[in-house]
Amino acid sequence: MSDVKKIATRESYGNALAECGKDFPNLVVLDADLAGATKTGTFQKAFPDRFFDCGIAECNMTGIAAGLAAAGKIPFISSFAMFAAGRNFEQVRNSIGYPKLNVKIGATHAGITVGEDGASHQCLEDIALMRVIPGMTVIVPSDDVEAKAAVRAALEHVGPVYMRFSRAASPVINDNPEYHFELGKGICLKDGKDLAIIATGVEVSHALDAAELLKQDGIEARVINIHTIKPLDEDIIIKAAKETGKLFTVEEHNILGGLGAAVAEVTGEKCPVEVHRFGMRDQFGESGPAGELLAKYKLDGKGIYQQIKEAL
């Protein structure tokens, strides 16, 4: 996909906030001294009186956002995933989740594609942490189009939402008139009868690449984009399980507690089939260029293809 337009979903997040600011006067944005990196600085330029830099104090930022939500505002809090979900977990659980407040969390720099910043900043646990909080909606958009749609959907949804955005640029794959984003509804991007690849976030484009390689071997792979990890689209997963008999999940996250775990939970209860989980296998990442890390951990198109072939 070298000739395809690429943009980091964190850029899309910042652009979407600035655009939505016009339609949602109650929208306010809080950041933890990372506006340049999380791209909330785009909103700050457009609406300086509705932007609050809380400094390197994510937990305090969350408490402020809870108060703003209780007063009728729609606050978005932003930081790196490691801090927004990790350092911040207790505040998110008790100050946002428990009282069911209308706070949106925009977490950037998630997964191994954070790259050179290394294991300390490559959050591989955030999906697991957020999906276990009662009432929390968890969204992992795959590209620029989906990220912008996700921000607007989060604004229109009443209740806490966690959104995961990437640092590295990823191909735009949803740039078509038929594209429609709906919370809790997966999208079948490619049909196939032999197996199904269920992916989320930046891995969706790599799953499509893997499907093309499998096609050359005469294997028809269905590719499903699960942009909403919670609530999960159980129907599209069970349909794929019944029709193909083999599921392969792909995520830039620990296979424990993430997309793979969510899919295995559903199939285990409702339609037991073979489920192979591809992602980080209970390990930390390391420092290096994003593309090289994806290749090393077999999470690029070629690596996914190789893992599927080995499993078959």
C-alpha atoms as a PDB file:
ATOM      1  CA  MET A   1       0.000   0.000   0.000  1.00  0.00           C
ATOM      2  CA  SER A   2       2.971   2.312  -0.582  1.00  0.00           C
ATOM      3  CA  ASP A   3       1.011   4.429  -3.093  1.00  0.00           C
ATOM      4  CA  VAL A   4      -1.938   4.934  -0.729  1.00  0.00           C
ATOM      5  CA  LYS A   5      -2.409   8.166   1.217  1.00  0.00           C
ATOM      6  CA  LYS A   6      -1.252   7.778   4.820  1.00  0.00           C
ATOM      7  CA  ILE A   7      -2.077   9.800   7.934  1.00  0.00           C
ATOM      8  CA  ALA A   8      -1.716   9.120  11.650  1.00  0.00           C
ATOM      9  CA  THR A   9      -5.051   8.775  13.432  1.00  0.00           C
ATOM     10  CA  ARG A  10      -3.821  11.185  16.130  1.00  0.00           C
ATOM     11  CA  GLU A  11      -3.767  13.855  13.371  1.00  0.00           C
ATOM     12  CA  SER A  12      -7.321  12.892  12.466  1.00  0.00           C
ATOM     13  CA  TYR A  13      -8.306  13.210  16.137  1.00  0.00           C
ATOM     14  CA  GLY A  14      -7.025  16.776  16.378  1.00  0.00           C
ATOM     15  CA  ASN A  15      -8.645  17.773  13.096  1.00  0.00           C
ATOM     16  CA  ALA A  16     -11.964  16.197  14.079  1.00  0.00           C
ATOM     17  CA  LEU A  17     -12.025  18.003  17.426  1.00  0.00           C
ATOM     18  CA  ALA A  18     -11.501  21.361  15.702  1.00  0.00           C
ATOM     19  CA  GLU A  19     -14.225  20.581  13.162  1.00  0.00           C
ATOM     20  CA  CYS A  20     -16.714  19.333  15.777  1.00  0.00           C
ATOM     21  CA  GLY A  21     -16.054  22.366  17.961  1.00  0.00           C
ATOM     22  CA  LYS A  22     -18.207  24.389  15.571  1.00  0.00           C
ATOM     23  CA  ASP A  23     -21.218  22.088  15.972  1.00  0.00           C
ATOM     24  CA  PHE A  24     -20.852  21.299  19.681  1.00  0.00           C
ATOM     25  CA  PRO A  25     -20.539  24.498  21.742  1.00  0.00           C
ATOM     26  CA  ASN A  26     -20.314  22.422  24.954  1.00  0.00           C
ATOM     27  CA  LEU A  27     -17.233  20.586  23.691  1.00  0.00           C
ATOM     28  CA  VAL A  28     -14.131  21.364  25.757  1.00  0.00           C
ATOM     29  CA  VAL A  29     -10.672  19.817  25.461  1.00  0.00           C
ATOM     30  CA  LEU A  30      -8.169  19.118  28.230  1.00  0.00           C
ATOM     31  CA  ASP A  31      -4.591  18.026  27.659  1.00  0.00           C
ATOM     32  CA  ALA A  32      -1.689  16.979  29.866  1.00  0.00           C
ATOM     33  CA  ASP A  33       1.120  19.103  28.413  1.00  0.00           C
ATOM     34  CA  LEU A  34       1.154  17.080  25.169  1.00  0.00           C
ATOM     35  CA  ALA A  35      -1.018  19.148  22.820  1.00  0.00           C
ATOM     36  CA  GLY A  36       1.647  19.099  20.103  1.00  0.00           C
ATOM     37  CA  ALA A  37       1.879  15.301  20.180  1.00  0.00           C
ATOM     38  CA  THR A  38      -1.783  14.418  20.766  1.00  0.00           C
ATOM     39  CA  LYS A  39      -2.717  17.069  18.155  1.00  0.00           C
ATOM     40  CA  THR A  40      -5.272  18.720  20.425  1.00  0.00           C
ATOM     41  CA  GLY A  41      -3.307  21.895  19.682  1.00  0.00           C
ATOM     42  CA  THR A  42      -5.422  22.095  16.504  1.00  0.00           C
ATOM     43  CA  PHE A  43      -8.517  22.569  18.672  1.00  0.00           C
ATOM     44  CA  GLN A  44      -6.627  24.988  20.935  1.00  0.00           C
ATOM     45  CA  LYS A  45      -5.896  27.286  17.978  1.00  0.00           C
ATOM     46  CA  ALA A  46      -9.538  27.252  16.877  1.00  0.00           C
ATOM     47  CA  PHE A  47     -11.109  27.547  20.353  1.00  0.00           C
ATOM     48  CA  PRO A  48      -8.512  28.844  22.844  1.00  0.00           C
ATOM     49  CA  ASP A  49     -11.143  29.650  25.476  1.00  0.00           C
ATOM     50  CA  ARG A  50     -12.363  26.042  25.462  1.00  0.00           C
ATOM     51  CA  PHE A  51      -8.957  24.403  25.815  1.00  0.00           C
ATOM     52  CA  PHE A  52      -7.254  23.675  29.145  1.00  0.00           C
ATOM     53  CA  ASP A  53      -3.663  22.517  29.552  1.00  0.00           C
ATOM     54  CA  CYS A  54      -3.597  20.705  32.886  1.00  0.00           C
ATOM     55  CA  GLY A  55       0.146  20.097  32.881  1.00  0.00           C
ATOM     56  CA  ILE A  56       1.756  16.723  33.503  1.00  0.00           C
ATOM     57  CA  ALA A  57      -1.071  15.720  35.841  1.00  0.00           C
ATOM     58  CA  GLU A  58      -3.355  13.243  34.080  1.00  0.00           C
ATOM     59  CA  CYS A  59      -5.174  12.188  37.236  1.00  0.00           C
ATOM     60  CA  ASN A  60      -5.985  15.784  38.106  1.00  0.00           C
ATOM     61  CA  MET A  61      -7.070  16.380  34.494  1.00  0.00           C
ATOM     62  CA  THR A  62      -9.538  13.499  34.813  1.00  0.00           C
ATOM     63  CA  GLY A  63     -11.032  14.948  37.995  1.00  0.00           C
ATOM     64  CA  ILE A  64     -11.464  18.338  36.318  1.00  0.00           C
ATOM     65  CA  ALA A  65     -13.136  16.672  33.324  1.00  0.00           C
ATOM     66  CA  ALA A  66     -15.530  14.836  35.634  1.00  0.00           C
ATOM     67  CA  GLY A  67     -16.556  18.146  37.166  1.00  0.00           C
ATOM     68  CA  LEU A  68     -17.013  19.751  33.753  1.00  0.00           C
ATOM     69  CA  ALA A  69     -19.169  16.810  32.611  1.00  0.00           C
ATOM     70  CA  ALA A  70     -21.284  17.064  35.753  1.00  0.00           C
ATOM     71  CA  ALA A  71     -21.801  20.744  34.877  1.00  0.00           C
ATOM     72  CA  GLY A  72     -23.081  19.920  31.380  1.00  0.00           C
ATOM     73  CA  LYS A  73     -19.935  20.192  29.258  1.00  0.00           C
ATOM     74  CA  ILE A  74     -18.614  17.441  26.964  1.00  0.00           C
ATOM     75  CA  PRO A  75     -14.953  17.156  27.926  1.00  0.00           C
ATOM     76  CA  PHE A  76     -12.298  15.301  25.930  1.00  0.00           C
ATOM     77  CA  ILE A  77      -9.167  14.476  27.910  1.00  0.00           C
ATOM     78  CA  SER A  78      -6.011  13.651  25.987  1.00  0.00           C
ATOM     79  CA  SER A  79      -2.631  12.116  26.676  1.00  0.00           C
ATOM     80  CA  PHE A  80      -0.532   9.165  25.566  1.00  0.00           C
ATOM     81  CA  ALA A  81      -2.330   5.842  26.085  1.00  0.00           C
ATOM     82  CA  MET A  82       0.262   4.809  28.674  1.00  0.00           C
ATOM     83  CA  PHE A  83      -0.837   7.727  30.854  1.00  0.00           C
ATOM     84  CA  ALA A  84      -4.484   8.212  29.806  1.00  0.00           C
ATOM     85  CA  ALA A  85      -5.339   4.567  30.537  1.00  0.00           C
ATOM     86  CA  GLY A  86      -2.399   3.341  32.620  1.00  0.00           C
ATOM     87  CA  ARG A  87      -1.385   5.988  35.135  1.00  0.00           C
ATOM     88  CA  ASN A  88      -4.941   7.231  35.126  1.00  0.00           C
ATOM     89  CA  PHE A  89      -6.859   3.987  35.627  1.00  0.00           C
ATOM     90  CA  GLU A  90      -8.242   4.557  39.118  1.00  0.00           C
ATOM     91  CA  GLN A  91      -9.447   8.075  38.284  1.00  0.00           C
ATOM     92  CA  VAL A  92     -11.071   6.897  35.045  1.00  0.00           C
ATOM     93  CA  ARG A  93     -12.783   4.053  36.904  1.00  0.00           C
ATOM     94  CA  ASN A  94     -14.002   5.984  39.940  1.00  0.00           C
ATOM     95  CA  SER A  95     -14.427   9.557  38.648  1.00  0.00           C
ATOM     96  CA  ILE A  96     -15.793   8.791  35.158  1.00  0.00           C
ATOM     97  CA  GLY A  97     -16.926   5.160  34.913  1.00  0.00           C
ATOM     98  CA  TYR A  98     -18.633   4.706  38.280  1.00  0.00           C
ATOM     99  CA  PRO A  99     -20.792   7.884  38.054  1.00  0.00           C
ATOM    100  CA  LYS A 100     -21.307   7.247  34.301  1.00  0.00           C
ATOM    101  CA  LEU A 101     -20.134  10.744  33.362  1.00  0.00           C
ATOM    102  CA  ASN A 102     -20.052  11.982  29.780  1.00  0.00           C
ATOM    103  CA  VAL A 103     -16.256  12.203  29.458  1.00  0.00           C
ATOM    104  CA  LYS A 104     -14.356  11.172  26.322  1.00  0.00           C
ATOM    105  CA  ILE A 105     -10.766   9.943  26.506  1.00  0.00           C
ATOM    106  CA  GLY A 106      -8.556  10.489  23.469  1.00  0.00           C
ATOM    107  CA  ALA A 107      -5.483   8.314  23.955  1.00  0.00           C
ATOM    108  CA  THR A 108      -2.701   8.640  21.392  1.00  0.00           C
ATOM    109  CA  HIS A 109       0.648   6.864  20.949  1.00  0.00           C
ATOM    110  CA  ALA A 110      -0.712   3.369  21.620  1.00  0.00           C
ATOM    111  CA  GLY A 111       0.832   0.055  20.593  1.00  0.00           C
ATOM    112  CA  ILE A 112       4.268  -0.839  19.257  1.00  0.00           C
ATOM    113  CA  THR A 113       3.987   1.652  16.375  1.00  0.00           C
ATOM    114  CA  VAL A 114       4.922   4.312  18.924  1.00  0.00           C
ATOM    115  CA  GLY A 115       8.311   3.070  17.749  1.00  0.00           C
ATOM    116  CA  GLU A 116      11.497   4.615  19.050  1.00  0.00           C
ATOM    117  CA  ASP A 117      10.003   5.713  22.396  1.00  0.00           C
ATOM    118  CA  GLY A 118      10.229   2.075  23.432  1.00  0.00           C
ATOM    119  CA  ALA A 119       8.474  -0.262  25.848  1.00  0.00           C
ATOM    120  CA  SER A 120       7.768   2.342  28.553  1.00  0.00           C
ATOM    121  CA  HIS A 121       5.548   4.318  26.152  1.00  0.00           C
ATOM    122  CA  GLN A 122       4.189   1.516  23.943  1.00  0.00           C
ATOM    123  CA  CYS A 123       0.953   0.836  25.785  1.00  0.00           C
ATOM    124  CA  LEU A 124      -0.155  -2.723  25.064  1.00  0.00           C
ATOM    125  CA  GLU A 125      -2.631  -3.009  27.930  1.00  0.00           C
ATOM    126  CA  ASP A 126      -5.055  -0.115  27.451  1.00  0.00           C
ATOM    127  CA  ILE A 127      -7.826  -1.960  25.590  1.00  0.00           C
ATOM    128  CA  ALA A 128      -7.913  -4.574  28.361  1.00  0.00           C
ATOM    129  CA  LEU A 129      -7.955  -1.912  31.080  1.00  0.00           C
ATOM    130  CA  MET A 130     -10.714   0.157  29.491  1.00  0.00           C
ATOM    131  CA  ARG A 131     -13.032  -2.621  28.311  1.00  0.00           C
ATOM    132  CA  VAL A 132     -13.251  -4.011  31.850  1.00  0.00           C
ATOM    133  CA  ILE A 133     -14.746  -0.743  33.196  1.00  0.00           C
ATOM    134  CA  PRO A 134     -18.566  -1.071  33.289  1.00  0.00           C
ATOM    135  CA  GLY A 135     -20.297   1.170  30.766  1.00  0.00           C
ATOM    136  CA  MET A 136     -17.105   2.225  28.972  1.00  0.00           C
ATOM    137  CA  THR A 137     -17.247   2.313  25.176  1.00  0.00           C
ATOM    138  CA  VAL A 138     -13.904   1.409  23.556  1.00  0.00           C
ATOM    139  CA  ILE A 139     -13.074   2.494  19.994  1.00  0.00           C
ATOM    140  CA  VAL A 140      -9.930   1.767  17.956  1.00  0.00           C
ATOM    141  CA  PRO A 141     -10.226   3.419  14.506  1.00  0.00           C
ATOM    142  CA  SER A 142      -8.310   1.994  11.556  1.00  0.00           C
ATOM    143  CA  ASP A 143      -7.616   5.154   9.536  1.00  0.00           C
ATOM    144  CA  ASP A 144      -8.187   8.876   9.084  1.00  0.00           C
ATOM    145  CA  VAL A 145     -11.788   8.559   7.862  1.00  0.00           C
ATOM    146  CA  GLU A 146     -12.773   6.232  10.687  1.00  0.00           C
ATOM    147  CA  ALA A 147     -11.017   8.267  13.368  1.00  0.00           C
ATOM    148  CA  LYS A 148     -12.910  11.417  12.403  1.00  0.00           C
ATOM    149  CA  ALA A 149     -16.198   9.512  12.331  1.00  0.00           C
ATOM    150  CA  ALA A 150     -15.390   7.974  15.717  1.00  0.00           C
ATOM    151  CA  VAL A 151     -14.849  11.382  17.341  1.00  0.00           C
ATOM    152  CA  ARG A 152     -18.235  12.606  16.132  1.00  0.00           C
ATOM    153  CA  ALA A 153     -19.921   9.365  17.215  1.00  0.00           C
ATOM    154  CA  ALA A 154     -18.321   9.686  20.644  1.00  0.00           C
ATOM    155  CA  LEU A 155     -19.678  13.225  20.924  1.00  0.00           C
ATOM    156  CA  GLU A 156     -23.177  12.088  20.048  1.00  0.00           C
ATOM    157  CA  HIS A 157     -23.029   9.130  22.445  1.00  0.00           C
ATOM    158  CA  VAL A 158     -23.959   9.895  26.054  1.00  0.00           C
ATOM    159  CA  GLY A 159     -21.534   8.173  28.412  1.00  0.00           C
ATOM    160  CA  PRO A 160     -17.807   7.520  28.840  1.00  0.00           C
ATOM    161  CA  VAL A 161     -15.799   6.666  25.724  1.00  0.00           C
ATOM    162  CA  TYR A 162     -12.179   5.585  25.294  1.00  0.00           C
ATOM    163  CA  MET A 163     -10.611   6.147  21.865  1.00  0.00           C
ATOM    164  CA  ARG A 164      -7.222   4.741  20.874  1.00  0.00           C
ATOM    165  CA  PHE A 165      -5.159   6.601  18.254  1.00  0.00           C
ATOM    166  CA  SER A 166      -1.802   5.835  16.643  1.00  0.00           C
ATOM    167  CA  ARG A 167       1.402   7.828  16.403  1.00  0.00           C
ATOM    168  CA  ALA A 168       2.507   6.378  13.057  1.00  0.00           C
ATOM    169  CA  ALA A 169       0.807   7.150   9.754  1.00  0.00           C
ATOM    170  CA  SER A 170      -1.455   4.427   8.402  1.00  0.00           C
ATOM    171  CA  PRO A 171      -3.113   3.977   4.977  1.00  0.00           C
ATOM    172  CA  VAL A 172      -6.530   5.511   4.343  1.00  0.00           C
ATOM    173  CA  ILE A 173      -8.699   2.461   3.568  1.00  0.00           C
ATOM    174  CA  ASN A 174     -12.246   3.758   4.186  1.00  0.00           C
ATOM    175  CA  ASP A 175     -12.227   6.599   1.658  1.00  0.00           C
ATOM    176  CA  ASN A 176     -15.356   5.609  -0.216  1.00  0.00           C
ATOM    177  CA  PRO A 177     -18.930   6.951  -0.430  1.00  0.00           C
ATOM    178  CA  GLU A 178     -20.404   3.747   1.032  1.00  0.00           C
ATOM    179  CA  TYR A 179     -18.455   4.004   4.288  1.00  0.00           C
ATOM    180  CA  HIS A 180     -20.655   4.313   7.365  1.00  0.00           C
ATOM    181  CA  PHE A 181     -19.497   4.342  10.970  1.00  0.00           C
ATOM    182  CA  GLU A 182     -21.809   2.996  13.644  1.00  0.00           C
ATOM    183  CA  LEU A 183     -20.821   2.362  17.253  1.00  0.00           C
ATOM    184  CA  GLY A 184     -20.765  -1.337  18.039  1.00  0.00           C
ATOM    185  CA  LYS A 185     -20.984  -2.470  14.389  1.00  0.00           C
ATOM    186  CA  GLY A 186     -18.078  -4.224  12.678  1.00  0.00           C
ATOM    187  CA  ILE A 187     -17.458  -3.856   8.938  1.00  0.00           C
ATOM    188  CA  CYS A 188     -16.766  -6.667   6.478  1.00  0.00           C
ATOM    189  CA  LEU A 189     -14.149  -5.172   4.140  1.00  0.00           C
ATOM    190  CA  LYS A 190     -13.523  -8.309   2.106  1.00  0.00           C
ATOM    191  CA  ASP A 191     -15.597 -11.436   1.798  1.00  0.00           C
ATOM    192  CA  GLY A 192     -14.141 -14.931   1.961  1.00  0.00           C
ATOM    193  CA  LYS A 193     -15.261 -18.466   2.796  1.00  0.00           C
ATOM    194  CA  ASP A 194     -12.066 -20.196   3.981  1.00  0.00           C
ATOM    195  CA  LEU A 195     -11.225 -18.172   7.086  1.00  0.00           C
ATOM    196  CA  ALA A 196     -11.797 -14.767   8.654  1.00  0.00           C
ATOM    197  CA  ILE A 197      -9.214 -12.219   9.747  1.00  0.00           C
ATOM    198  CA  ILE A 198     -10.674  -9.944  12.414  1.00  0.00           C
ATOM    199  CA  ALA A 199      -8.540  -6.850  12.964  1.00  0.00           C
ATOM    200  CA  THR A 200      -8.641  -3.518  14.734  1.00  0.00           C
ATOM    201  CA  GLY A 201      -6.829  -0.181  14.459  1.00  0.00           C
ATOM    202  CA  VAL A 202      -3.678   0.081  12.350  1.00  0.00           C
ATOM    203  CA  GLU A 203      -3.738  -3.694  11.865  1.00  0.00           C
ATOM    204  CA  VAL A 204      -6.771  -3.549   9.574  1.00  0.00           C
ATOM    205  CA  SER A 205      -4.720  -2.401   6.566  1.00  0.00           C
ATOM    206  CA  HIS A 206      -2.135  -5.120   7.260  1.00  0.00           C
ATOM    207  CA  ALA A 207      -4.925  -7.703   7.464  1.00  0.00           C
ATOM    208  CA  LEU A 208      -6.050  -6.644   3.985  1.00  0.00           C
ATOM    209  CA  ASP A 209      -2.471  -7.059   2.735  1.00  0.00           C
ATOM    210  CA  ALA A 210      -2.341 -10.550   4.266  1.00  0.00           C
ATOM    211  CA  ALA A 211      -5.631 -11.458   2.575  1.00  0.00           C
ATOM    212  CA  GLU A 212      -4.171 -10.503  -0.809  1.00  0.00           C
ATOM    213  CA  LEU A 213      -1.157 -12.770  -0.195  1.00  0.00           C
ATOM    214  CA  LEU A 214      -3.467 -15.631   0.839  1.00  0.00           C
ATOM    215  CA  LYS A 215      -5.509 -15.093  -2.326  1.00  0.00           C
ATOM    216  CA  GLN A 216      -2.402 -15.884  -4.379  1.00  0.00           C
ATOM    217  CA  ASP A 217      -2.368 -19.294  -2.634  1.00  0.00           C
ATOM    218  CA  GLY A 218      -6.025 -19.887  -3.470  1.00  0.00           C
ATOM    219  CA  ILE A 219      -7.228 -19.092   0.056  1.00  0.00           C
ATOM    220  CA  GLU A 220     -10.247 -16.778   0.328  1.00  0.00           C
ATOM    221  CA  ALA A 221      -9.946 -14.765   3.533  1.00  0.00           C
ATOM    222  CA  ARG A 222     -12.748 -12.634   4.904  1.00  0.00           C
ATOM    223  CA  VAL A 223     -11.469  -9.396   6.495  1.00  0.00           C
ATOM    224  CA  ILE A 224     -13.490  -7.780   9.260  1.00  0.00           C
ATOM    225  CA  ASN A 225     -12.745  -4.400  10.795  1.00  0.00           C
ATOM    226  CA  ILE A 226     -13.783  -4.241  14.449  1.00  0.00           C
ATOM    227  CA  HIS A 227     -13.461  -0.542  15.270  1.00  0.00           C
ATOM    228  CA  THR A 228     -15.575  -0.822  18.423  1.00  0.00           C
ATOM    229  CA  ILE A 229     -14.097  -3.329  20.869  1.00  0.00           C
ATOM    230  CA  LYS A 230     -16.881  -2.588  23.345  1.00  0.00           C
ATOM    231  CA  PRO A 231     -19.769  -2.964  22.757  1.00  0.00           C
ATOM    232  CA  LEU A 232     -18.574  -5.759  20.470  1.00  0.00           C
ATOM    233  CA  ASP A 233     -20.439  -6.713  17.308  1.00  0.00           C
ATOM    234  CA  GLU A 234     -21.136 -10.319  18.263  1.00  0.00           C
ATOM    235  CA  ASP A 235     -23.338 -10.943  15.217  1.00  0.00           C
ATOM    236  CA  ILE A 236     -20.607 -10.315  12.633  1.00  0.00           C
ATOM    237  CA  ILE A 237     -18.185 -12.524  14.595  1.00  0.00           C
ATOM    238  CA  ILE A 238     -20.612 -15.427  15.044  1.00  0.00           C
ATOM    239  CA  LYS A 239     -21.584 -15.216  11.352  1.00  0.00           C
ATOM    240  CA  ALA A 240     -17.900 -15.424  10.364  1.00  0.00           C
ATOM    241  CA  ALA A 241     -17.357 -18.305  12.784  1.00  0.00           C
ATOM    242  CA  LYS A 242     -20.268 -20.291  11.363  1.00  0.00           C
ATOM    243  CA  GLU A 243     -19.434 -19.597   7.730  1.00  0.00           C
ATOM    244  CA  THR A 244     -15.631 -20.000   7.779  1.00  0.00           C
ATOM    245  CA  GLY A 245     -14.881 -22.135  10.864  1.00  0.00           C
ATOM    246  CA  LYS A 246     -11.540 -20.417  11.478  1.00  0.00           C
ATOM    247  CA  LEU A 247     -10.930 -16.982  13.004  1.00  0.00           C
ATOM    248  CA  PHE A 248      -7.655 -15.055  13.202  1.00  0.00           C
ATOM    249  CA  THR A 249      -7.596 -11.889  15.303  1.00  0.00           C
ATOM    250  CA  VAL A 250      -4.943  -9.218  14.782  1.00  0.00           C
ATOM    251  CA  GLU A 251      -4.157  -6.356  17.136  1.00  0.00           C
ATOM    252  CA  GLU A 252      -1.326  -4.076  18.150  1.00  0.00           C
ATOM    253  CA  HIS A 253      -1.936  -4.969  21.791  1.00  0.00           C
ATOM    254  CA  ASN A 254      -1.318  -7.802  24.220  1.00  0.00           C
ATOM    255  CA  ILE A 255      -3.380 -10.810  23.120  1.00  0.00           C
ATOM    256  CA  LEU A 256      -4.503 -11.056  26.763  1.00  0.00           C
ATOM    257  CA  GLY A 257      -7.556  -8.881  27.340  1.00  0.00           C
ATOM    258  CA  GLY A 258      -7.734  -7.206  23.936  1.00  0.00           C
ATOM    259  CA  LEU A 259      -9.597  -7.887  20.688  1.00  0.00           C
ATOM    260  CA  GLY A 260      -8.502 -11.526  20.531  1.00  0.00           C
ATOM    261  CA  ALA A 261      -9.725 -12.170  24.052  1.00  0.00           C
ATOM    262  CA  ALA A 262     -13.062 -10.452  23.317  1.00  0.00           C
ATOM    263  CA  VAL A 263     -13.599 -12.558  20.180  1.00  0.00           C
ATOM    264  CA  ALA A 264     -12.612 -15.771  21.998  1.00  0.00           C
ATOM    265  CA  GLU A 265     -15.065 -14.975  24.790  1.00  0.00           C
ATOM    266  CA  VAL A 266     -17.936 -14.601  22.325  1.00  0.00           C
ATOM    267  CA  THR A 267     -17.142 -17.700  20.289  1.00  0.00           C
ATOM    268  CA  GLY A 268     -16.443 -19.750  23.412  1.00  0.00           C
ATOM    269  CA  GLU A 269     -19.924 -19.031  24.704  1.00  0.00           C
ATOM    270  CA  LYS A 270     -21.961 -18.944  21.506  1.00  0.00           C
ATOM    271  CA  CYS A 271     -20.137 -20.621  18.607  1.00  0.00           C
ATOM    272  CA  PRO A 272     -16.976 -22.561  19.516  1.00  0.00           C
ATOM    273  CA  VAL A 273     -14.476 -22.508  16.628  1.00  0.00           C
ATOM    274  CA  GLU A 274     -10.728 -22.294  16.116  1.00  0.00           C
ATOM    275  CA  VAL A 275      -9.538 -18.818  17.208  1.00  0.00           C
ATOM    276  CA  HIS A 276      -5.907 -17.804  16.655  1.00  0.00           C
ATOM    277  CA  ARG A 277      -4.867 -14.564  18.342  1.00  0.00           C
ATOM    278  CA  PHE A 278      -2.089 -12.507  16.725  1.00  0.00           C
ATOM    279  CA  GLY A 279      -0.612  -9.603  18.648  1.00  0.00           C
ATOM    280  CA  MET A 280       1.970  -9.091  21.362  1.00  0.00           C
ATOM    281  CA  ARG A 281       2.228 -12.422  23.155  1.00  0.00           C
ATOM    282  CA  ASP A 282       2.329 -11.380  26.820  1.00  0.00           C
ATOM    283  CA  GLN A 283       5.498  -9.357  26.259  1.00  0.00           C
ATOM    284  CA  PHE A 284       6.718  -5.766  26.227  1.00  0.00           C
ATOM    285  CA  GLY A 285       7.732  -3.939  23.065  1.00  0.00           C
ATOM    286  CA  GLU A 286      11.119  -2.415  22.317  1.00  0.00           C
ATOM    287  CA  SER A 287      12.613   0.654  20.699  1.00  0.00           C
ATOM    288  CA  GLY A 288      12.816   0.765  16.907  1.00  0.00           C
ATOM    289  CA  PRO A 289      11.163   2.124  13.757  1.00  0.00           C
ATOM    290  CA  ALA A 290       7.433   1.287  13.677  1.00  0.00           C
ATOM    291  CA  GLY A 291       7.605  -0.668  10.430  1.00  0.00           C
ATOM    292  CA  GLU A 292      10.534  -2.782  11.603  1.00  0.00           C
ATOM    293  CA  LEU A 293       8.772  -3.604  14.862  1.00  0.00           C
ATOM    294  CA  LEU A 294       5.616  -4.705  13.041  1.00  0.00           C
ATOM    295  CA  ALA A 295       7.760  -6.954  10.843  1.00  0.00           C
ATOM    296  CA  LYS A 296       9.698  -8.406  13.795  1.00  0.00           C
ATOM    297  CA  TYR A 297       6.535  -9.325  15.698  1.00  0.00           C
ATOM    298  CA  LYS A 298       4.849 -10.584  12.491  1.00  0.00           C
ATOM    299  CA  LEU A 299       2.115  -7.949  12.615  1.00  0.00           C
ATOM    300  CA  ASP A 300       2.612  -6.547   9.117  1.00  0.00           C
ATOM    301  CA  GLY A 301       0.874  -8.062   6.094  1.00  0.00           C
ATOM    302  CA  LYS A 302       3.644 -10.567   5.381  1.00  0.00           C
ATOM    303  CA  GLY A 303       3.900 -11.578   9.039  1.00  0.00           C
ATOM    304  CA  ILE A 304       0.150 -12.114   9.408  1.00  0.00           C
ATOM    305  CA  TYR A 305       0.180 -14.176   6.195  1.00  0.00           C
ATOM    306  CA  GLN A 306       3.064 -16.318   7.508  1.00  0.00           C
ATOM    307  CA  GLN A 307       1.344 -16.894  10.857  1.00  0.00           C
ATOM    308  CA  ILE A 308      -1.899 -17.935   9.161  1.00  0.00           C
ATOM    309  CA  LYS A 309      -0.068 -20.307   6.840  1.00  0.00           C
ATOM    310  CA  GLU A 310       1.716 -21.893   9.823  1.00  0.00           C
ATOM    311  CA  ALA A 311      -1.599 -22.316  11.652  1.00  0.00           C
ATOM    312  CA  LEU A 312      -3.236 -23.893   8.597  1.00  0.00           C
END
